[in-house]
N, C-alpha and C. Protein backbone atom coordinates (compact mmCIF):
# COMPACT_ATOMS: atom_id res chain seq x y z
N MET A 1 6.07 8.22 17.72
CA MET A 1 5.52 7.61 17.64
C MET A 1 5.30 6.95 15.91
N LYS A 2 5.83 5.56 15.80
CA LYS A 2 5.93 5.23 14.77
C LYS A 2 4.41 4.56 13.77
N ILE A 3 4.42 4.37 13.17
CA ILE A 3 3.40 3.94 12.60
C ILE A 3 3.76 2.40 11.34
N PHE A 4 3.38 1.88 11.36
CA PHE A 4 3.50 0.50 10.69
C PHE A 4 2.03 0.07 10.01
N ILE A 5 2.38 -0.14 8.85
CA ILE A 5 1.48 -0.81 8.46
C ILE A 5 0.82 -2.58 8.17
N LEU A 6 0.49 -2.99 8.54
CA LEU A 6 0.27 -4.52 7.99
C LEU A 6 -0.62 -4.53 7.22
N LYS A 7 -0.24 -5.35 5.85
CA LYS A 7 -0.75 -5.16 4.80
C LYS A 7 -1.32 -6.63 4.32
N GLY A 8 -2.41 -6.86 3.42
CA GLY A 8 -2.45 -8.32 2.91
C GLY A 8 -3.83 -8.23 2.53
N ALA A 9 -4.40 -9.13 1.32
CA ALA A 9 -5.49 -9.45 1.09
C ALA A 9 -6.35 -9.89 2.08
N THR A 10 -7.61 -9.88 1.95
CA THR A 10 -8.69 -10.64 3.17
C THR A 10 -8.42 -12.00 3.05
N GLY A 11 -8.42 -12.23 4.34
CA GLY A 11 -8.04 -14.01 4.55
C GLY A 11 -7.07 -14.60 4.41
N SER A 12 -5.96 -13.36 3.86
CA SER A 12 -4.32 -13.95 4.22
C SER A 12 -3.57 -14.54 5.38
N GLY A 13 -4.17 -14.26 6.66
CA GLY A 13 -3.75 -14.56 7.81
C GLY A 13 -3.30 -13.66 8.40
N LYS A 14 -3.60 -12.02 8.70
CA LYS A 14 -3.02 -10.88 9.03
C LYS A 14 -3.53 -11.31 10.56
N THR A 15 -4.67 -11.14 10.85
CA THR A 15 -4.89 -11.26 12.02
C THR A 15 -4.67 -12.74 12.83
N THR A 16 -4.42 -13.65 12.20
CA THR A 16 -3.68 -15.11 12.90
C THR A 16 -2.33 -14.81 13.02
N PHE A 17 -1.74 -13.72 12.44
CA PHE A 17 -0.33 -13.60 12.65
C PHE A 17 -0.24 -12.56 14.12
N LEU A 18 -0.89 -11.56 13.81
CA LEU A 18 -1.29 -10.62 14.82
C LEU A 18 -1.40 -11.43 16.19
N VAL A 19 -1.99 -12.26 16.38
CA VAL A 19 -2.65 -13.06 17.61
C VAL A 19 -1.75 -13.75 18.33
N ASN A 20 -0.73 -14.38 17.62
CA ASN A 20 0.42 -14.99 17.84
C ASN A 20 1.95 -13.73 18.24
N TYR A 21 1.60 -12.64 17.39
CA TYR A 21 2.62 -11.76 17.88
C TYR A 21 2.18 -11.03 19.05
N CYS A 22 0.84 -10.79 19.46
CA CYS A 22 0.61 -10.36 20.67
C CYS A 22 0.84 -11.20 21.94
N LYS A 23 1.23 -12.35 21.82
CA LYS A 23 1.55 -13.21 23.09
C LYS A 23 3.27 -12.91 23.08
N GLN A 24 4.05 -12.17 22.32
CA GLN A 24 5.36 -11.63 22.28
C GLN A 24 5.34 -10.18 22.93
N LYS A 25 4.35 -9.53 22.54
CA LYS A 25 4.97 -8.47 22.48
C LYS A 25 4.15 -7.47 24.07
N ASN A 26 4.24 -6.37 23.90
CA ASN A 26 3.37 -5.76 24.96
C ASN A 26 2.79 -4.97 24.15
N ALA A 27 1.86 -5.45 23.39
CA ALA A 27 0.56 -4.65 22.67
C ALA A 27 -0.78 -4.83 23.25
N GLY A 28 -1.42 -3.46 22.86
CA GLY A 28 -2.73 -3.15 23.16
C GLY A 28 -3.86 -2.69 21.95
N GLY A 29 -5.22 -2.66 21.80
CA GLY A 29 -5.87 -2.15 20.99
C GLY A 29 -6.94 -3.57 20.62
N VAL A 30 -7.50 -3.57 19.62
CA VAL A 30 -8.37 -4.07 18.91
C VAL A 30 -8.07 -5.34 17.78
N LEU A 31 -8.13 -6.48 17.63
CA LEU A 31 -7.75 -7.43 16.57
C LEU A 31 -9.13 -7.71 16.09
N SER A 32 -9.27 -8.21 14.83
CA SER A 32 -10.77 -8.72 14.53
C SER A 32 -10.39 -10.07 13.67
N PRO A 33 -10.82 -11.10 14.67
CA PRO A 33 -10.63 -12.53 14.29
C PRO A 33 -11.93 -12.94 13.55
N VAL A 34 -11.85 -13.99 12.84
CA VAL A 34 -13.38 -14.87 12.64
C VAL A 34 -13.30 -16.11 13.58
N ILE A 35 -14.23 -15.71 14.30
CA ILE A 35 -14.50 -16.86 15.27
C ILE A 35 -15.98 -17.72 15.05
N THR A 36 -15.87 -19.43 14.60
CA THR A 36 -17.29 -19.76 13.81
C THR A 36 -17.98 -19.16 12.98
N ASP A 37 -16.63 -18.50 12.18
CA ASP A 37 -17.36 -18.03 11.19
C ASP A 37 -18.22 -16.63 11.35
N LYS A 38 -18.03 -16.13 11.85
CA LYS A 38 -18.44 -14.87 12.67
C LYS A 38 -17.17 -13.69 12.80
N ARG A 39 -17.23 -12.79 12.37
CA ARG A 39 -16.27 -11.89 12.55
C ARG A 39 -16.26 -10.99 13.96
N HIS A 40 -15.47 -10.80 15.02
CA HIS A 40 -15.73 -10.88 16.35
C HIS A 40 -14.59 -9.67 16.52
N PHE A 41 -14.39 -8.90 17.78
CA PHE A 41 -13.30 -7.96 18.07
C PHE A 41 -13.06 -8.46 19.12
N LEU A 42 -11.76 -8.70 19.54
CA LEU A 42 -10.74 -8.99 20.15
C LEU A 42 -10.12 -8.12 21.17
N ASN A 43 -10.30 -8.09 22.44
CA ASN A 43 -9.73 -6.52 23.30
C ASN A 43 -8.26 -7.47 23.49
N ILE A 44 -6.92 -6.99 23.06
CA ILE A 44 -5.74 -7.76 22.97
C ILE A 44 -5.50 -7.65 24.45
N GLU A 45 -5.66 -6.77 25.34
CA GLU A 45 -5.19 -7.27 27.07
C GLU A 45 -6.33 -7.62 27.55
N THR A 46 -7.21 -7.92 27.52
CA THR A 46 -8.09 -8.75 28.25
C THR A 46 -8.47 -10.17 27.46
N LYS A 47 -8.34 -10.19 26.35
CA LYS A 47 -8.59 -11.01 25.56
C LYS A 47 -10.52 -11.69 25.40
N GLU A 48 -11.19 -10.79 25.82
CA GLU A 48 -12.37 -10.36 25.83
C GLU A 48 -12.92 -10.29 24.37
N THR A 49 -14.26 -11.15 24.20
CA THR A 49 -14.44 -10.56 22.27
C THR A 49 -15.98 -10.15 22.47
N LYS A 50 -16.37 -10.15 21.16
CA LYS A 50 -17.35 -9.25 21.16
C LYS A 50 -17.97 -9.03 19.68
N LEU A 51 -19.24 -9.72 19.53
CA LEU A 51 -19.85 -10.45 17.81
C LEU A 51 -19.60 -8.84 17.35
N MET A 52 -18.89 -8.84 16.19
CA MET A 52 -18.72 -7.41 15.22
C MET A 52 -20.08 -7.48 14.66
N GLU A 53 -20.75 -8.77 14.23
CA GLU A 53 -22.15 -7.89 13.52
C GLU A 53 -22.81 -7.94 13.97
N ALA A 54 -24.12 -7.11 13.55
CA ALA A 54 -25.11 -6.74 13.78
C ALA A 54 -26.33 -8.36 14.23
N GLN A 55 -27.08 -8.32 15.38
CA GLN A 55 -27.73 -9.23 15.51
C GLN A 55 -29.02 -8.73 15.16
N GLU A 56 -30.17 -9.46 14.83
CA GLU A 56 -31.12 -9.36 14.33
C GLU A 56 -32.46 -7.84 14.89
N ASN A 57 -32.02 -7.62 16.06
CA ASN A 57 -33.06 -6.93 16.80
C ASN A 57 -32.15 -5.71 17.18
N GLU A 58 -30.98 -5.67 16.86
CA GLU A 58 -30.29 -4.47 16.87
C GLU A 58 -30.75 -3.22 15.87
N THR A 59 -30.94 -1.86 16.31
CA THR A 59 -31.42 -0.65 15.61
C THR A 59 -30.17 -0.07 14.98
N GLU A 60 -29.30 0.12 15.75
CA GLU A 60 -27.89 0.88 15.47
C GLU A 60 -27.27 0.15 14.94
N ILE A 61 -26.88 0.24 13.31
CA ILE A 61 -26.20 -0.73 12.85
C ILE A 61 -25.62 -0.06 11.61
N LEU A 62 -24.28 -0.87 11.47
CA LEU A 62 -23.23 0.59 10.45
C LEU A 62 -23.34 -0.58 9.36
N ASN A 63 -23.28 -0.11 8.04
CA ASN A 63 -23.39 -0.86 7.20
C ASN A 63 -22.65 -0.53 6.10
N VAL A 64 -21.82 -1.54 5.54
CA VAL A 64 -20.82 -1.00 4.71
C VAL A 64 -21.07 -2.58 3.67
N GLY A 65 -21.13 -2.36 2.33
CA GLY A 65 -21.51 -3.30 1.49
C GLY A 65 -22.35 -4.16 2.32
N ARG A 66 -22.28 -5.24 1.82
CA ARG A 66 -23.00 -6.51 2.60
C ARG A 66 -23.17 -6.84 3.84
N TYR A 67 -22.20 -5.94 4.66
CA TYR A 67 -21.67 -6.10 6.16
C TYR A 67 -22.52 -5.44 6.92
N LYS A 68 -23.21 -5.73 8.05
CA LYS A 68 -24.05 -4.88 8.74
C LYS A 68 -23.25 -5.58 10.47
N PHE A 69 -23.16 -4.00 10.82
CA PHE A 69 -22.15 -4.09 11.81
C PHE A 69 -22.77 -3.98 13.23
N SER A 70 -22.41 -4.19 14.47
CA SER A 70 -23.18 -3.28 15.55
C SER A 70 -22.40 -2.26 15.42
N ALA A 71 -23.40 -1.07 16.04
CA ALA A 71 -22.62 0.15 16.39
C ALA A 71 -21.87 0.20 17.74
N LYS A 72 -23.19 -0.71 18.52
CA LYS A 72 -22.97 -0.75 20.04
C LYS A 72 -21.21 -1.15 20.13
N VAL A 73 -21.14 -2.58 19.43
CA VAL A 73 -19.89 -2.89 19.72
C VAL A 73 -19.02 -2.36 19.13
N PHE A 74 -18.76 -1.46 17.89
CA PHE A 74 -17.63 -0.13 17.32
C PHE A 74 -17.37 0.60 18.76
N GLU A 75 -18.64 0.63 19.48
CA GLU A 75 -18.37 2.07 20.71
C GLU A 75 -17.06 1.11 21.71
N TRP A 76 -18.16 -0.16 22.48
CA TRP A 76 -16.89 -1.19 22.78
C TRP A 76 -15.16 -0.89 22.42
N ALA A 77 -15.22 -1.15 21.06
CA ALA A 77 -13.88 -1.10 20.44
C ALA A 77 -13.07 0.13 20.74
N ASN A 78 -13.81 1.21 19.82
CA ASN A 78 -13.43 2.38 20.11
C ASN A 78 -12.56 2.61 21.61
N GLN A 79 -13.66 2.78 22.71
CA GLN A 79 -13.25 2.69 23.86
C GLN A 79 -11.89 2.02 24.12
N ILE A 80 -11.84 1.12 23.64
CA ILE A 80 -10.47 0.38 24.40
C ILE A 80 -9.32 1.32 23.74
N LEU A 81 -9.68 1.15 22.14
CA LEU A 81 -8.31 1.74 21.42
C LEU A 81 -8.02 3.31 22.37
N THR A 82 -9.39 4.11 22.71
CA THR A 82 -8.98 5.01 23.49
C THR A 82 -8.35 4.88 24.68
N ASP A 83 -8.89 4.06 25.23
CA ASP A 83 -7.88 3.99 26.54
C ASP A 83 -6.09 3.50 26.39
N CYS A 84 -6.42 2.84 25.10
CA CYS A 84 -4.60 2.75 24.74
C CYS A 84 -3.30 3.60 24.90
N VAL A 85 -4.42 5.17 24.67
CA VAL A 85 -3.44 6.29 24.57
C VAL A 85 -2.62 6.32 25.39
N ASN A 86 -3.37 6.14 26.78
CA ASN A 86 -3.05 6.77 27.97
C ASN A 86 -2.13 5.20 28.55
N LYS A 87 -1.95 4.32 28.39
CA LYS A 87 -1.37 2.77 29.04
C LYS A 87 0.43 2.97 28.03
N ASN A 88 1.26 2.34 28.81
CA ASN A 88 2.42 1.94 28.20
C ASN A 88 2.58 0.46 27.43
N TYR A 89 1.80 0.64 26.36
CA TYR A 89 1.83 -0.39 24.90
C TYR A 89 3.32 0.03 24.47
N GLU A 90 3.83 -1.03 24.22
CA GLU A 90 4.99 -1.01 22.85
C GLU A 90 3.98 -0.49 21.61
N THR A 91 2.98 -1.35 21.10
CA THR A 91 2.26 -0.96 20.68
C THR A 91 0.99 -0.99 20.43
N ILE A 92 0.14 -0.05 19.60
CA ILE A 92 -1.06 -0.34 19.91
C ILE A 92 -1.77 -0.47 18.45
N ILE A 93 -2.26 -1.42 18.33
CA ILE A 93 -3.23 -2.29 17.20
C ILE A 93 -4.46 -1.97 16.86
N ILE A 94 -4.68 -1.83 15.62
CA ILE A 94 -6.26 -1.51 15.07
C ILE A 94 -5.97 -2.55 13.83
N ASP A 95 -7.27 -3.34 13.91
CA ASP A 95 -7.47 -4.24 13.28
C ASP A 95 -8.80 -4.20 12.81
N GLU A 96 -9.49 -3.87 12.06
CA GLU A 96 -8.62 -3.11 10.52
C GLU A 96 -8.78 -1.81 9.65
N ILE A 97 -8.17 -0.93 9.42
CA ILE A 97 -8.95 0.08 8.81
C ILE A 97 -9.13 -0.17 7.15
N GLY A 98 -10.98 0.20 6.69
CA GLY A 98 -10.87 -0.21 5.76
C GLY A 98 -12.15 0.44 5.62
N PRO A 99 -13.27 0.09 4.39
CA PRO A 99 -14.30 0.56 3.73
C PRO A 99 -14.74 1.52 4.73
N LEU A 100 -15.07 1.07 5.96
CA LEU A 100 -15.64 1.72 6.76
C LEU A 100 -15.53 3.22 7.12
N GLU A 101 -14.17 2.88 7.87
CA GLU A 101 -13.42 4.15 7.98
C GLU A 101 -13.41 5.04 6.50
N LEU A 102 -13.23 4.65 5.76
CA LEU A 102 -13.09 5.22 4.56
C LEU A 102 -14.35 6.09 4.55
N GLN A 103 -15.61 5.91 5.01
CA GLN A 103 -16.94 6.32 5.13
C GLN A 103 -16.81 8.01 6.40
N GLY A 104 -15.60 7.49 7.28
CA GLY A 104 -15.95 8.23 8.38
C GLY A 104 -16.46 7.73 9.48
N LYS A 105 -16.67 6.16 9.53
CA LYS A 105 -17.35 5.41 10.44
C LYS A 105 -16.65 4.65 11.00
N GLY A 106 -16.48 3.87 11.59
CA GLY A 106 -16.12 2.56 12.49
C GLY A 106 -14.61 3.21 13.35
N PHE A 107 -13.54 2.95 12.95
CA PHE A 107 -12.47 3.58 13.59
C PHE A 107 -12.24 4.91 13.00
N ALA A 108 -12.86 5.38 12.76
CA ALA A 108 -12.23 6.96 11.52
C ALA A 108 -11.86 7.65 12.27
N GLU A 109 -12.83 8.34 13.83
CA GLU A 109 -12.41 9.37 14.51
C GLU A 109 -11.75 9.04 15.82
N THR A 110 -11.51 7.49 16.33
CA THR A 110 -10.95 7.43 16.87
C THR A 110 -8.85 7.27 16.34
N LEU A 111 -9.01 6.67 15.16
CA LEU A 111 -7.51 7.00 15.05
C LEU A 111 -7.50 8.35 14.52
N LYS A 112 -7.83 8.95 14.34
CA LYS A 112 -7.54 10.56 13.65
C LYS A 112 -7.19 11.32 15.29
N SER A 113 -7.93 10.78 16.70
CA SER A 113 -7.30 11.42 17.24
C SER A 113 -6.46 10.22 17.78
N ILE A 114 -5.97 9.76 17.93
CA ILE A 114 -4.69 8.71 18.12
C ILE A 114 -3.66 9.04 17.74
N LEU A 115 -3.89 10.01 16.23
CA LEU A 115 -2.84 10.35 15.42
C LEU A 115 -2.29 11.74 15.56
N SER A 116 -3.22 12.56 16.35
CA SER A 116 -3.18 13.60 16.71
C SER A 116 -1.98 13.44 18.30
N HIS A 117 -2.11 12.68 18.75
CA HIS A 117 -1.23 12.15 20.08
C HIS A 117 0.34 12.56 19.61
N THR A 118 0.93 13.10 18.91
CA THR A 118 2.23 13.30 18.46
C THR A 118 2.91 13.10 19.77
N GLU A 119 2.75 13.38 20.85
CA GLU A 119 3.69 13.14 21.63
C GLU A 119 3.66 11.33 22.15
N MET A 120 2.88 10.26 21.86
CA MET A 120 2.54 9.25 22.58
C MET A 120 3.73 8.61 22.08
N LYS A 121 4.31 7.27 23.24
CA LYS A 121 5.23 7.04 22.85
C LYS A 121 5.57 5.64 22.39
N SER A 122 3.88 4.88 22.48
CA SER A 122 3.95 3.87 21.91
C SER A 122 3.67 3.82 20.16
N ASP A 123 3.98 2.71 19.60
CA ASP A 123 4.03 2.54 17.96
C ASP A 123 2.69 2.25 17.88
N LEU A 124 1.88 2.80 16.55
CA LEU A 124 0.79 2.11 16.07
C LEU A 124 0.67 1.33 15.08
N LEU A 125 0.26 0.18 14.99
CA LEU A 125 0.33 -0.44 14.06
C LEU A 125 -0.98 -0.74 13.14
N LEU A 126 -1.58 -0.45 11.93
CA LEU A 126 -2.35 -0.52 10.95
C LEU A 126 -2.60 -1.69 10.42
N VAL A 127 -3.83 -2.50 10.53
CA VAL A 127 -3.66 -3.53 9.59
C VAL A 127 -4.92 -3.16 8.39
N ILE A 128 -4.30 -3.25 7.17
CA ILE A 128 -5.22 -2.24 6.25
C ILE A 128 -5.31 -3.72 4.96
N ARG A 129 -6.19 -3.59 4.23
CA ARG A 129 -6.18 -4.31 2.97
C ARG A 129 -4.88 -3.86 2.14
N GLU A 130 -4.31 -4.88 1.36
CA GLU A 130 -3.40 -4.09 0.36
C GLU A 130 -3.86 -3.44 -0.53
N ASN A 131 -5.17 -3.14 -1.40
CA ASN A 131 -5.73 -2.47 -2.17
C ASN A 131 -6.21 -1.57 -1.57
N LEU A 132 -6.39 -0.89 -0.34
CA LEU A 132 -6.87 0.40 0.03
C LEU A 132 -5.62 1.63 0.73
N VAL A 133 -4.38 1.01 1.06
CA VAL A 133 -3.81 1.34 1.24
C VAL A 133 -3.41 3.16 1.14
N ASN A 134 -3.34 2.96 -0.27
CA ASN A 134 -2.92 4.52 -0.32
C ASN A 134 -4.07 5.12 -0.70
N ASP A 135 -5.37 4.71 -0.22
CA ASP A 135 -6.82 5.61 0.08
C ASP A 135 -6.80 5.45 1.44
N VAL A 136 -6.22 4.65 2.44
CA VAL A 136 -6.71 5.06 3.51
C VAL A 136 -5.40 6.11 3.86
N LEU A 137 -4.26 5.96 3.54
CA LEU A 137 -2.63 6.98 3.94
C LEU A 137 -3.70 8.37 3.59
N ASN A 138 -4.14 8.60 2.45
CA ASN A 138 -4.90 9.85 1.86
C ASN A 138 -5.56 10.71 2.47
N TYR A 139 -6.96 9.31 3.37
CA TYR A 139 -8.19 10.09 3.94
C TYR A 139 -7.44 10.28 5.03
N PHE A 140 -6.35 9.87 5.92
CA PHE A 140 -6.38 10.11 7.90
C PHE A 140 -5.23 11.24 7.48
N GLY A 141 -4.27 11.72 5.72
CA GLY A 141 -3.55 13.06 5.91
C GLY A 141 -2.03 12.08 6.49
N ILE A 142 -2.10 10.68 6.07
CA ILE A 142 -0.56 9.98 6.92
C ILE A 142 0.32 9.93 5.30
N LYS A 143 1.21 10.76 5.45
CA LYS A 143 2.29 10.52 4.85
C LYS A 143 3.09 9.64 4.10
N LYS A 144 3.15 8.82 3.01
CA LYS A 144 4.23 7.87 3.04
C LYS A 144 5.42 7.60 3.37
N GLU A 145 5.69 8.57 3.82
CA GLU A 145 7.46 8.65 4.25
C GLU A 145 7.15 8.18 5.75
N ASP A 146 6.01 8.67 6.43
CA ASP A 146 6.29 8.40 8.04
C ASP A 146 5.72 7.17 8.27
N VAL A 147 5.45 5.81 6.92
CA VAL A 147 4.98 4.84 7.64
C VAL A 147 5.87 3.77 7.15
N VAL A 148 5.92 2.56 7.89
CA VAL A 148 6.84 1.64 7.65
C VAL A 148 6.40 0.32 7.31
N ASP A 149 6.47 -0.45 6.49
CA ASP A 149 5.94 -1.67 6.50
C ASP A 149 6.18 -2.99 7.06
N PHE A 150 5.21 -3.32 8.11
CA PHE A 150 5.37 -4.19 9.08
C PHE A 150 5.44 -5.58 8.37
N LYS A 151 6.68 -6.23 8.78
CA LYS A 151 7.09 -7.34 8.17
C LYS A 151 7.24 -8.27 9.42
N LYS A 152 6.64 -9.49 8.55
CA LYS A 152 6.31 -10.63 9.18
C LYS A 152 7.68 -11.67 9.38
N TYR A 153 8.10 -11.57 10.63
CA TYR A 153 9.54 -11.94 10.77
C TYR A 153 9.21 -13.66 11.09
């Protein structure tokens, strides 16, 4: 397994780039597009989307900064990622690893599990905001020499 990082500032087009990238590659995982001004999760394989932001009537909420995310929808996205390990994808994509994961929430446990599958043949592509790359690598025990910067071609 190779670990690639696609980094950039918030709103710099990382997810948009990956939507197009996935059309040409055998990739699975989860993207986080903004659709009608709201953040969603997109299952790369099925194209199914779910609203990431918590609804007013939800009681299970993940808070990070001013954002309130649906814990139930994160469970759905985590299951997609867990299932990817047993499929023959060229690349598994997690969009994105950020402040929530640095609190041990969101995709944190799933990413730890994926990283423990050292025999996995799929590459792993992590989307990380540029200012959080070192924090994420340290938190998850990923060595800088084991990471390849993912270049937009």
